[in-house]
């Protein structure tokens, strides 16, 4: 990250405001990017995954058995990585488009 110097003495109020807003905007973009990356690794329950995909638990279980959506067993619980679920959904949508 390069350090930029702004001289307040010679900057107008509007220039100063714009520099502050620019810095805030860059910080928000950085935080949003980090949150998106962390969100992809979030583990979802079966119920959360079914709701995300708008399918029943039976359909989700069927897709899991057919290896359409990867699942992870943690003890007696089944979990899905959100990023992998969304990737599988994109893959299903691309398949549907290519068969038409």
PDB file of N, CA and C in Angstrom:
ATOM      1  N   UNK A   1       0.854  -1.170   0.000  1.00  0.00           N
ATOM      2  CA  UNK A   1       0.000   0.000   0.000  1.00  0.00           C
ATOM      3  C   UNK A   1       0.897   1.229   0.000  1.00  0.00           C
ATOM      4  N   UNK A   2       0.701   2.093  -0.963  1.00  0.00           N
ATOM      5  CA  UNK A   2       1.501   3.308  -1.036  1.00  0.00           C
ATOM      6  C   UNK A   2       0.876   4.373  -0.156  1.00  0.00           C
ATOM      7  N   UNK A   3       1.726   5.154   0.409  1.00  0.00           N
ATOM      8  CA  UNK A   3       1.280   6.210   1.300  1.00  0.00           C
ATOM      9  C   UNK A   3       1.155   7.499   0.504  1.00  0.00           C
ATOM     10  N   UNK A   4      -0.005   8.135   0.618  1.00  0.00           N
ATOM     11  CA  UNK A   4      -0.212   9.391  -0.085  1.00  0.00           C
ATOM     12  C   UNK A   4      -0.331  10.516   0.938  1.00  0.00           C
ATOM     13  N   UNK A   5       0.204  11.636   0.574  1.00  0.00           N
ATOM     14  CA  UNK A   5       0.175  12.790   1.469  1.00  0.00           C
ATOM     15  C   UNK A   5      -0.756  13.839   0.885  1.00  0.00           C
ATOM     16  N   UNK A   6      -1.636  14.353   1.726  1.00  0.00           N
ATOM     17  CA  UNK A   6      -2.552  15.410   1.322  1.00  0.00           C
ATOM     18  C   UNK A   6      -2.296  16.611   2.218  1.00  0.00           C
ATOM     19  N   UNK A   7      -1.986  17.716   1.624  1.00  0.00           N
ATOM     20  CA  UNK A   7      -1.749  18.919   2.406  1.00  0.00           C
ATOM     21  C   UNK A   7      -3.086  19.628   2.590  1.00  0.00           C
ATOM     22  N   UNK A   8      -3.519  19.695   3.817  1.00  0.00           N
ATOM     23  CA  UNK A   8      -4.815  20.297   4.122  1.00  0.00           C
ATOM     24  C   UNK A   8      -4.787  21.803   3.913  1.00  0.00           C
ATOM     25  N   UNK A   9      -3.641  22.406   4.116  1.00  0.00           N
ATOM     26  CA  UNK A   9      -3.544  23.858   4.014  1.00  0.00           C
ATOM     27  C   UNK A   9      -3.922  24.366   2.624  1.00  0.00           C
ATOM     28  N   UNK A  10      -3.554  23.612   1.587  1.00  0.00           N
ATOM     29  CA  UNK A  10      -3.802  24.090   0.237  1.00  0.00           C
ATOM     30  C   UNK A  10      -4.997  23.411  -0.422  1.00  0.00           C
ATOM     31  N   UNK A  11      -5.606  22.468   0.259  1.00  0.00           N
ATOM     32  CA  UNK A  11      -6.744  21.748  -0.314  1.00  0.00           C
ATOM     33  C   UNK A  11      -8.038  22.470   0.041  1.00  0.00           C
ATOM     34  N   UNK A  12      -8.939  22.496  -0.914  1.00  0.00           N
ATOM     35  CA  UNK A  12     -10.244  23.091  -0.625  1.00  0.00           C
ATOM     36  C   UNK A  12     -11.058  22.099   0.211  1.00  0.00           C
ATOM     37  N   UNK A  13     -12.130  22.570   0.767  1.00  0.00           N
ATOM     38  CA  UNK A  13     -12.994  21.706   1.575  1.00  0.00           C
ATOM     39  C   UNK A  13     -13.533  20.554   0.727  1.00  0.00           C
ATOM     40  N   UNK A  14     -13.879  20.815  -0.519  1.00  0.00           N
ATOM     41  CA  UNK A  14     -14.411  19.774  -1.411  1.00  0.00           C
ATOM     42  C   UNK A  14     -13.344  18.725  -1.725  1.00  0.00           C
ATOM     43  N   UNK A  15     -12.105  19.169  -1.977  1.00  0.00           N
ATOM     44  CA  UNK A  15     -11.013  18.228  -2.245  1.00  0.00           C
ATOM     45  C   UNK A  15     -10.743  17.350  -1.025  1.00  0.00           C
ATOM     46  N   UNK A  16     -10.763  17.964   0.137  1.00  0.00           N
ATOM     47  CA  UNK A  16     -10.545  17.228   1.387  1.00  0.00           C
ATOM     48  C   UNK A  16     -11.652  16.186   1.584  1.00  0.00           C
ATOM     49  N   UNK A  17     -12.887  16.607   1.361  1.00  0.00           N
ATOM     50  CA  UNK A  17     -14.036  15.698   1.485  1.00  0.00           C
ATOM     51  C   UNK A  17     -13.902  14.534   0.506  1.00  0.00           C
ATOM     52  N   UNK A  18     -13.540  14.826  -0.742  1.00  0.00           N
ATOM     53  CA  UNK A  18     -13.396  13.781  -1.760  1.00  0.00           C
ATOM     54  C   UNK A  18     -12.310  12.777  -1.388  1.00  0.00           C
ATOM     55  N   UNK A  19     -11.205  13.250  -0.815  1.00  0.00           N
ATOM     56  CA  UNK A  19     -10.124  12.349  -0.396  1.00  0.00           C
ATOM     57  C   UNK A  19     -10.577  11.444   0.745  1.00  0.00           C
ATOM     58  N   UNK A  20     -11.325  12.000   1.680  1.00  0.00           N
ATOM     59  CA  UNK A  20     -11.843  11.199   2.789  1.00  0.00           C
ATOM     60  C   UNK A  20     -12.806  10.140   2.255  1.00  0.00           C
ATOM     61  N   UNK A  21     -13.722  10.541   1.382  1.00  0.00           N
ATOM     62  CA  UNK A  21     -14.680   9.589   0.813  1.00  0.00           C
ATOM     63  C   UNK A  21     -13.981   8.511  -0.009  1.00  0.00           C
ATOM     64  N   UNK A  22     -12.938   8.892  -0.721  1.00  0.00           N
ATOM     65  CA  UNK A  22     -12.172   7.925  -1.507  1.00  0.00           C
ATOM     66  C   UNK A  22     -11.543   6.875  -0.588  1.00  0.00           C
ATOM     67  N   UNK A  23     -10.977   7.309   0.504  1.00  0.00           N
ATOM     68  CA  UNK A  23     -10.367   6.385   1.469  1.00  0.00           C
ATOM     69  C   UNK A  23     -11.386   5.462   2.103  1.00  0.00           C
ATOM     70  N   UNK A  24     -12.537   5.996   2.452  1.00  0.00           N
ATOM     71  CA  UNK A  24     -13.604   5.193   3.049  1.00  0.00           C
ATOM     72  C   UNK A  24     -14.109   4.165   2.039  1.00  0.00           C
ATOM     73  N   UNK A  25     -14.287   4.589   0.795  1.00  0.00           N
ATOM     74  CA  UNK A  25     -14.761   3.695  -0.259  1.00  0.00           C
ATOM     75  C   UNK A  25     -13.789   2.532  -0.455  1.00  0.00           C
ATOM     76  N   UNK A  26     -12.496   2.810  -0.484  1.00  0.00           N
ATOM     77  CA  UNK A  26     -11.487   1.760  -0.646  1.00  0.00           C
ATOM     78  C   UNK A  26     -11.513   0.794   0.538  1.00  0.00           C
ATOM     79  N   UNK A  27     -11.691   1.327   1.742  1.00  0.00           N
ATOM     80  CA  UNK A  27     -11.749   0.471   2.934  1.00  0.00           C
ATOM     81  C   UNK A  27     -12.974  -0.434   2.890  1.00  0.00           C
ATOM     82  N   UNK A  28     -14.125   0.099   2.479  1.00  0.00           N
ATOM     83  CA  UNK A  28     -15.344  -0.712   2.363  1.00  0.00           C
ATOM     84  C   UNK A  28     -15.179  -1.817   1.325  1.00  0.00           C
ATOM     85  N   UNK A  29     -14.557  -1.494   0.205  1.00  0.00           N
ATOM     86  CA  UNK A  29     -14.338  -2.512  -0.835  1.00  0.00           C
ATOM     87  C   UNK A  29     -13.461  -3.642  -0.308  1.00  0.00           C
ATOM     88  N   UNK A  30     -12.434  -3.289   0.442  1.00  0.00           N
ATOM     89  CA  UNK A  30     -11.530  -4.295   1.002  1.00  0.00           C
ATOM     90  C   UNK A  30     -12.268  -5.199   1.988  1.00  0.00           C
ATOM     91  N   UNK A  31     -13.060  -4.610   2.860  1.00  0.00           N
ATOM     92  CA  UNK A  31     -13.820  -5.385   3.840  1.00  0.00           C
ATOM     93  C   UNK A  31     -14.845  -6.271   3.140  1.00  0.00           C
ATOM     94  N   UNK A  32     -15.520  -5.743   2.123  1.00  0.00           N
ATOM     95  CA  UNK A  32     -16.519  -6.523   1.388  1.00  0.00           C
ATOM     96  C   UNK A  32     -15.875  -7.726   0.719  1.00  0.00           C
ATOM     97  N   UNK A  33     -14.699  -7.539   0.159  1.00  0.00           N
ATOM     98  CA  UNK A  33     -13.991  -8.641  -0.500  1.00  0.00           C
ATOM     99  C   UNK A  33     -13.624  -9.718   0.517  1.00  0.00           C
ATOM    100  N   UNK A  34     -13.146  -9.312   1.688  1.00  0.00           N
ATOM    101  CA  UNK A  34     -12.796 -10.269   2.735  1.00  0.00           C
ATOM    102  C   UNK A  34     -14.023 -11.016   3.228  1.00  0.00           C
ATOM    103  N   UNK A  35     -15.130 -10.326   3.378  1.00  0.00           N
ATOM    104  CA  UNK A  35     -16.362 -10.971   3.828  1.00  0.00           C
ATOM    105  C   UNK A  35     -16.855 -11.988   2.808  1.00  0.00           C
ATOM    106  N   UNK A  36     -16.749 -11.659   1.521  1.00  0.00           N
ATOM    107  CA  UNK A  36     -17.156 -12.594   0.476  1.00  0.00           C
ATOM    108  C   UNK A  36     -16.309 -13.848   0.519  1.00  0.00           C
ATOM    109  N   UNK A  37     -15.011 -13.684   0.725  1.00  0.00           N
ATOM    110  CA  UNK A  37     -14.117 -14.841   0.772  1.00  0.00           C
ATOM    111  C   UNK A  37     -14.458 -15.707   1.979  1.00  0.00           C
ATOM    112  N   UNK A  38     -14.677 -15.090   3.146  1.00  0.00           N
ATOM    113  CA  UNK A  38     -15.017 -15.840   4.350  1.00  0.00           C
ATOM    114  C   UNK A  38     -16.372 -16.515   4.202  1.00  0.00           C
ATOM    115  N   UNK A  39     -17.291 -15.885   3.501  1.00  0.00           N
ATOM    116  CA  UNK A  39     -18.639 -16.414   3.323  1.00  0.00           C
ATOM    117  C   UNK A  39     -18.623 -17.696   2.491  1.00  0.00           C
ATOM    118  N   UNK A  40     -17.682 -17.803   1.563  1.00  0.00           N
ATOM    119  CA  UNK A  40     -17.598 -18.990   0.712  1.00  0.00           C
ATOM    120  C   UNK A  40     -17.244 -20.233   1.516  1.00  0.00           C
ATOM    121  N   UNK A  41     -16.482 -20.065   2.588  1.00  0.00           N
ATOM    122  CA  UNK A  41     -16.052 -21.191   3.411  1.00  0.00           C
ATOM    123  C   UNK A  41     -17.045 -21.511   4.528  1.00  0.00           C
ATOM    124  N   UNK A  42     -18.106 -20.741   4.615  1.00  0.00           N
ATOM    125  CA  UNK A  42     -19.086 -20.945   5.678  1.00  0.00           C
ATOM    126  C   UNK A  42     -19.769 -22.306   5.503  1.00  0.00           C
ATOM    127  N   UNK A  43     -19.868 -23.031   6.605  1.00  0.00           N
ATOM    128  CA  UNK A  43     -20.543 -24.331   6.575  1.00  0.00           C
ATOM    129  C   UNK A  43     -22.034 -24.135   6.816  1.00  0.00           C
ATOM    130  N   UNK A  44     -22.827 -24.758   5.968  1.00  0.00           N
ATOM    131  CA  UNK A  44     -24.283 -24.660   6.071  1.00  0.00           C
ATOM    132  C   UNK A  44     -24.860 -26.000   6.505  1.00  0.00           C
ATOM    133  N   UNK A  45     -25.942 -25.946   7.266  1.00  0.00           N
ATOM    134  CA  UNK A  45     -26.668 -27.159   7.633  1.00  0.00           C
ATOM    135  C   UNK A  45     -27.479 -27.624   6.425  1.00  0.00           C
ATOM    136  N   UNK A  46     -28.066 -28.801   6.537  1.00  0.00           N
ATOM    137  CA  UNK A  46     -28.908 -29.309   5.450  1.00  0.00           C
ATOM    138  C   UNK A  46     -30.073 -28.358   5.207  1.00  0.00           C
ATOM    139  N   UNK A  47     -30.683 -27.885   6.289  1.00  0.00           N
ATOM    140  CA  UNK A  47     -31.836 -26.992   6.164  1.00  0.00           C
ATOM    141  C   UNK A  47     -31.450 -25.674   5.499  1.00  0.00           C
ATOM    142  N   UNK A  48     -30.311 -25.110   5.904  1.00  0.00           N
ATOM    143  CA  UNK A  48     -29.856 -23.847   5.313  1.00  0.00           C
ATOM    144  C   UNK A  48     -29.534 -24.024   3.824  1.00  0.00           C
ATOM    145  N   UNK A  49     -28.928 -25.154   3.499  1.00  0.00           N
ATOM    146  CA  UNK A  49     -28.563 -25.424   2.109  1.00  0.00           C
ATOM    147  C   UNK A  49     -29.805 -25.609   1.247  1.00  0.00           C
ATOM    148  N   UNK A  50     -30.767 -26.370   1.758  1.00  0.00           N
ATOM    149  CA  UNK A  50     -32.014 -26.578   1.010  1.00  0.00           C
ATOM    150  C   UNK A  50     -32.733 -25.252   0.791  1.00  0.00           C
ATOM    151  N   UNK A  51     -32.734 -24.416   1.813  1.00  0.00           N
ATOM    152  CA  UNK A  51     -33.389 -23.106   1.690  1.00  0.00           C
ATOM    153  C   UNK A  51     -32.652 -22.232   0.673  1.00  0.00           C
ATOM    154  N   UNK A  52     -31.314 -22.259   0.701  1.00  0.00           N
ATOM    155  CA  UNK A  52     -30.514 -21.482  -0.240  1.00  0.00           C
ATOM    156  C   UNK A  52     -30.812 -21.896  -1.678  1.00  0.00           C
ATOM    157  N   UNK A  53     -30.986 -23.193  -1.890  1.00  0.00           N
ATOM    158  CA  UNK A  53     -31.244 -23.712  -3.237  1.00  0.00           C
ATOM    159  C   UNK A  53     -32.729 -23.753  -3.591  1.00  0.00           C
ATOM    160  N   UNK A  54     -33.578 -23.480  -2.613  1.00  0.00           N
ATOM    161  CA  UNK A  54     -35.043 -23.548  -2.791  1.00  0.00           C
ATOM    162  C   UNK A  54     -35.480 -24.939  -3.243  1.00  0.00           C
ATOM    163  N   UNK A  55     -34.939 -25.937  -2.558  1.00  0.00           N
ATOM    164  CA  UNK A  55     -35.326 -27.321  -2.826  1.00  0.00           C
ATOM    165  C   UNK A  55     -35.687 -27.994  -1.506  1.00  0.00           C
ATOM    166  N   UNK A  56     -36.307 -29.157  -1.610  1.00  0.00           N
ATOM    167  CA  UNK A  56     -36.653 -29.905  -0.403  1.00  0.00           C
ATOM    168  C   UNK A  56     -35.418 -30.629   0.131  1.00  0.00           C
ATOM    169  N   UNK A  57     -35.516 -31.096   1.372  1.00  0.00           N
ATOM    170  CA  UNK A  57     -34.429 -31.871   1.961  1.00  0.00           C
ATOM    171  C   UNK A  57     -34.226 -33.190   1.204  1.00  0.00           C
ATOM    172  N   UNK A  58     -35.306 -33.741   0.677  1.00  0.00           N
ATOM    173  CA  UNK A  58     -35.218 -34.985  -0.094  1.00  0.00           C
ATOM    174  C   UNK A  58     -34.407 -34.748  -1.369  1.00  0.00           C
ATOM    175  N   UNK A  59     -34.684 -33.649  -2.066  1.00  0.00           N
ATOM    176  CA  UNK A  59     -33.939 -33.320  -3.284  1.00  0.00           C
ATOM    177  C   UNK A  59     -32.467 -33.075  -2.959  1.00  0.00           C
ATOM    178  N   UNK A  60     -32.220 -32.348  -1.886  1.00  0.00           N
ATOM    179  CA  UNK A  60     -30.844 -32.079  -1.479  1.00  0.00           C
ATOM    180  C   UNK A  60     -30.115 -33.392  -1.186  1.00  0.00           C
ATOM    181  N   UNK A  61     -30.759 -34.293  -0.479  1.00  0.00           N
ATOM    182  CA  UNK A  61     -30.148 -35.585  -0.169  1.00  0.00           C
ATOM    183  C   UNK A  61     -29.873 -36.370  -1.458  1.00  0.00           C
ATOM    184  N   UNK A  62     -30.795 -36.320  -2.399  1.00  0.00           N
ATOM    185  CA  UNK A  62     -30.619 -37.002  -3.681  1.00  0.00           C
ATOM    186  C   UNK A  62     -29.409 -36.433  -4.420  1.00  0.00           C
ATOM    187  N   UNK A  63     -29.288 -35.105  -4.477  1.00  0.00           N
ATOM    188  CA  UNK A  63     -28.158 -34.463  -5.145  1.00  0.00           C
ATOM    189  C   UNK A  63     -26.846 -34.799  -4.431  1.00  0.00           C
ATOM    190  N   UNK A  64     -26.901 -34.918  -3.112  1.00  0.00           N
ATOM    191  CA  UNK A  64     -25.704 -35.265  -2.349  1.00  0.00           C
ATOM    192  C   UNK A  64     -25.273 -36.694  -2.673  1.00  0.00           C
ATOM    193  N   UNK A  65     -26.229 -37.618  -2.722  1.00  0.00           N
ATOM    194  CA  UNK A  65     -25.904 -39.015  -3.040  1.00  0.00           C
ATOM    195  C   UNK A  65     -25.349 -39.149  -4.452  1.00  0.00           C
ATOM    196  N   UNK A  66     -25.822 -38.315  -5.373  1.00  0.00           N
ATOM    197  CA  UNK A  66     -25.367 -38.359  -6.767  1.00  0.00           C
ATOM    198  C   UNK A  66     -24.087 -37.537  -6.983  1.00  0.00           C
ATOM    199  N   UNK A  67     -23.503 -37.020  -5.908  1.00  0.00           N
ATOM    200  CA  UNK A  67     -22.283 -36.197  -5.957  1.00  0.00           C
ATOM    201  C   UNK A  67     -22.437 -34.941  -6.803  1.00  0.00           C
ATOM    202  N   UNK A  68     -23.649 -34.427  -6.873  1.00  0.00           N
ATOM    203  CA  UNK A  68     -23.876 -33.151  -7.559  1.00  0.00           C
ATOM    204  C   UNK A  68     -23.415 -32.012  -6.662  1.00  0.00           C
ATOM    205  N   UNK A  69     -23.670 -32.178  -5.354  1.00  0.00           N
ATOM    206  CA  UNK A  69     -23.253 -31.195  -4.361  1.00  0.00           C
ATOM    207  C   UNK A  69     -22.401 -31.915  -3.320  1.00  0.00           C
ATOM    208  N   UNK A  70     -21.143 -31.474  -3.113  1.00  0.00           N
ATOM    209  CA  UNK A  70     -20.301 -32.134  -2.121  1.00  0.00           C
ATOM    210  C   UNK A  70     -20.768 -31.822  -0.701  1.00  0.00           C
ATOM    211  N   UNK A  71     -20.702 -32.840   0.149  1.00  0.00           N
ATOM    212  CA  UNK A  71     -21.120 -32.687   1.542  1.00  0.00           C
ATOM    213  C   UNK A  71     -20.006 -33.183   2.455  1.00  0.00           C
ATOM    214  N   UNK A  72     -20.044 -32.730   3.687  1.00  0.00           N
ATOM    215  CA  UNK A  72     -19.056 -33.102   4.696  1.00  0.00           C
ATOM    216  C   UNK A  72     -19.786 -33.603   5.923  1.00  0.00           C
ATOM    217  N   UNK A  73     -19.362 -34.745   6.420  1.00  0.00           N
ATOM    218  CA  UNK A  73     -19.964 -35.288   7.633  1.00  0.00           C
ATOM    219  C   UNK A  73     -19.089 -34.880   8.808  1.00  0.00           C
ATOM    220  N   UNK A  74     -19.712 -34.236   9.779  1.00  0.00           N
ATOM    221  CA  UNK A  74     -19.031 -33.838  11.005  1.00  0.00           C
ATOM    222  C   UNK A  74     -19.795 -34.509  12.138  1.00  0.00           C
ATOM    223  N   UNK A  75     -19.244 -35.589  12.636  1.00  0.00           N
ATOM    224  CA  UNK A  75     -19.970 -36.393  13.614  1.00  0.00           C
ATOM    225  C   UNK A  75     -21.182 -36.999  12.935  1.00  0.00           C
ATOM    226  N   UNK A  76     -22.354 -36.728  13.480  1.00  0.00           N
ATOM    227  CA  UNK A  76     -23.604 -37.221  12.886  1.00  0.00           C
ATOM    228  C   UNK A  76     -24.266 -36.192  11.979  1.00  0.00           C
ATOM    229  N   UNK A  77     -23.643 -35.051  11.837  1.00  0.00           N
ATOM    230  CA  UNK A  77     -24.255 -33.965  11.068  1.00  0.00           C
ATOM    231  C   UNK A  77     -23.632 -33.857   9.676  1.00  0.00           C
ATOM    232  N   UNK A  78     -24.441 -33.444   8.726  1.00  0.00           N
ATOM    233  CA  UNK A  78     -23.981 -33.220   7.362  1.00  0.00           C
ATOM    234  C   UNK A  78     -23.923 -31.718   7.138  1.00  0.00           C
ATOM    235  N   UNK A  79     -22.806 -31.260   6.586  1.00  0.00           N
ATOM    236  CA  UNK A  79     -22.628 -29.833   6.314  1.00  0.00           C
ATOM    237  C   UNK A  79     -22.191 -29.642   4.870  1.00  0.00           C
ATOM    238  N   UNK A  80     -22.475 -28.452   4.357  1.00  0.00           N
ATOM    239  CA  UNK A  80     -22.133 -28.078   2.984  1.00  0.00           C
ATOM    240  C   UNK A  80     -21.389 -26.756   3.020  1.00  0.00           C
ATOM    241  N   UNK A  81     -20.335 -26.630   2.204  1.00  0.00           N
ATOM    242  CA  UNK A  81     -19.635 -25.351   2.080  1.00  0.00           C
ATOM    243  C   UNK A  81     -20.423 -24.487   1.111  1.00  0.00           C
ATOM    244  N   UNK A  82     -20.729 -23.273   1.542  1.00  0.00           N
ATOM    245  CA  UNK A  82     -21.561 -22.377   0.743  1.00  0.00           C
ATOM    246  C   UNK A  82     -20.965 -22.133  -0.640  1.00  0.00           C
ATOM    247  N   UNK A  83     -19.670 -21.912  -0.721  1.00  0.00           N
ATOM    248  CA  UNK A  83     -19.027 -21.667  -2.008  1.00  0.00           C
ATOM    249  C   UNK A  83     -19.157 -22.845  -2.956  1.00  0.00           C
ATOM    250  N   UNK A  84     -19.042 -24.061  -2.414  1.00  0.00           N
ATOM    251  CA  UNK A  84     -19.169 -25.254  -3.246  1.00  0.00           C
ATOM    252  C   UNK A  84     -20.610 -25.469  -3.701  1.00  0.00           C
ATOM    253  N   UNK A  85     -21.561 -25.121  -2.838  1.00  0.00           N
ATOM    254  CA  UNK A  85     -22.974 -25.235  -3.200  1.00  0.00           C
ATOM    255  C   UNK A  85     -23.290 -24.278  -4.346  1.00  0.00           C
ATOM    256  N   UNK A  86     -22.830 -23.043  -4.239  1.00  0.00           N
ATOM    257  CA  UNK A  86     -23.084 -22.056  -5.290  1.00  0.00           C
ATOM    258  C   UNK A  86     -22.379 -22.449  -6.589  1.00  0.00           C
ATOM    259  N   UNK A  87     -21.179 -23.018  -6.471  1.00  0.00           N
ATOM    260  CA  UNK A  87     -20.458 -23.480  -7.657  1.00  0.00           C
ATOM    261  C   UNK A  87     -21.210 -24.624  -8.333  1.00  0.00           C
ATOM    262  N   UNK A  88     -21.747 -25.556  -7.541  1.00  0.00           N
ATOM    263  CA  UNK A  88     -22.519 -26.672  -8.096  1.00  0.00           C
ATOM    264  C   UNK A  88     -23.782 -26.158  -8.781  1.00  0.00           C
ATOM    265  N   UNK A  89     -24.386 -25.131  -8.196  1.00  0.00           N
ATOM    266  CA  UNK A  89     -25.581 -24.540  -8.794  1.00  0.00           C
ATOM    267  C   UNK A  89     -25.248 -23.918 -10.148  1.00  0.00           C
ATOM    268  N   UNK A  90     -24.131 -23.218 -10.233  1.00  0.00           N
ATOM    269  CA  UNK A  90     -23.693 -22.632 -11.509  1.00  0.00           C
ATOM    270  C   UNK A  90     -23.439 -23.736 -12.534  1.00  0.00           C
ATOM    271  N   UNK A  91     -22.810 -24.809 -12.082  1.00  0.00           N
ATOM    272  CA  UNK A  91     -22.512 -25.933 -12.971  1.00  0.00           C
ATOM    273  C   UNK A  91     -23.806 -26.542 -13.510  1.00  0.00           C
ATOM    274  N   UNK A  92     -24.827 -26.687 -12.645  1.00  0.00           N
ATOM    275  CA  UNK A  92     -26.115 -27.223 -13.080  1.00  0.00           C
ATOM    276  C   UNK A  92     -26.767 -26.295 -14.095  1.00  0.00           C
ATOM    277  N   UNK A  93     -26.680 -25.000 -13.856  1.00  0.00           N
ATOM    278  CA  UNK A  93     -27.277 -24.028 -14.780  1.00  0.00           C
ATOM    279  C   UNK A  93     -26.558 -24.030 -16.118  1.00  0.00           C
ATOM    280  N   UNK A  94     -25.244 -24.157 -16.129  1.00  0.00           N
ATOM    281  CA  UNK A  94     -24.490 -24.230 -17.382  1.00  0.00           C
ATOM    282  C   UNK A  94     -24.840 -25.498 -18.145  1.00  0.00           C
ATOM    283  N   UNK A  95     -25.049 -26.604 -17.451  1.00  0.00           N
ATOM    284  CA  UNK A  95     -25.431 -27.854 -18.084  1.00  0.00           C
ATOM    285  C   UNK A  95     -26.777 -27.697 -18.762  1.00  0.00           C
ATOM    286  N   UNK A  96     -27.729 -27.066 -18.068  1.00  0.00           N
ATOM    287  CA  UNK A  96     -29.066 -26.878 -18.644  1.00  0.00           C
ATOM    288  C   UNK A  96     -29.013 -26.001 -19.898  1.00  0.00           C
ATOM    289  N   UNK A  97     -28.157 -24.999 -19.913  1.00  0.00           N
ATOM    290  CA  UNK A  97     -28.052 -24.109 -21.066  1.00  0.00           C
ATOM    291  C   UNK A  97     -27.431 -24.830 -22.267  1.00  0.00           C
ATOM    292  N   UNK A  98     -26.462 -25.701 -21.999  1.00  0.00           N
ATOM    293  CA  UNK A  98     -25.758 -26.358 -23.101  1.00  0.00           C
ATOM    294  C   UNK A  98     -26.592 -27.457 -23.750  1.00  0.00           C
ATOM    295  N   UNK A  99     -27.635 -27.945 -23.058  1.00  0.00           N
ATOM    296  CA  UNK A  99     -28.459 -29.024 -23.633  1.00  0.00           C
ATOM    297  C   UNK A  99     -29.605 -28.478 -24.462  1.00  0.00           C
ATOM    298  N   UNK A 100     -29.822 -27.178 -24.443  1.00  0.00           N
ATOM    299  CA  UNK A 100     -30.941 -26.593 -25.188  1.00  0.00           C
ATOM    300  C   UNK A 100     -30.566 -26.300 -26.609  1.00  0.00           C
TER     301      UNK A 100
END
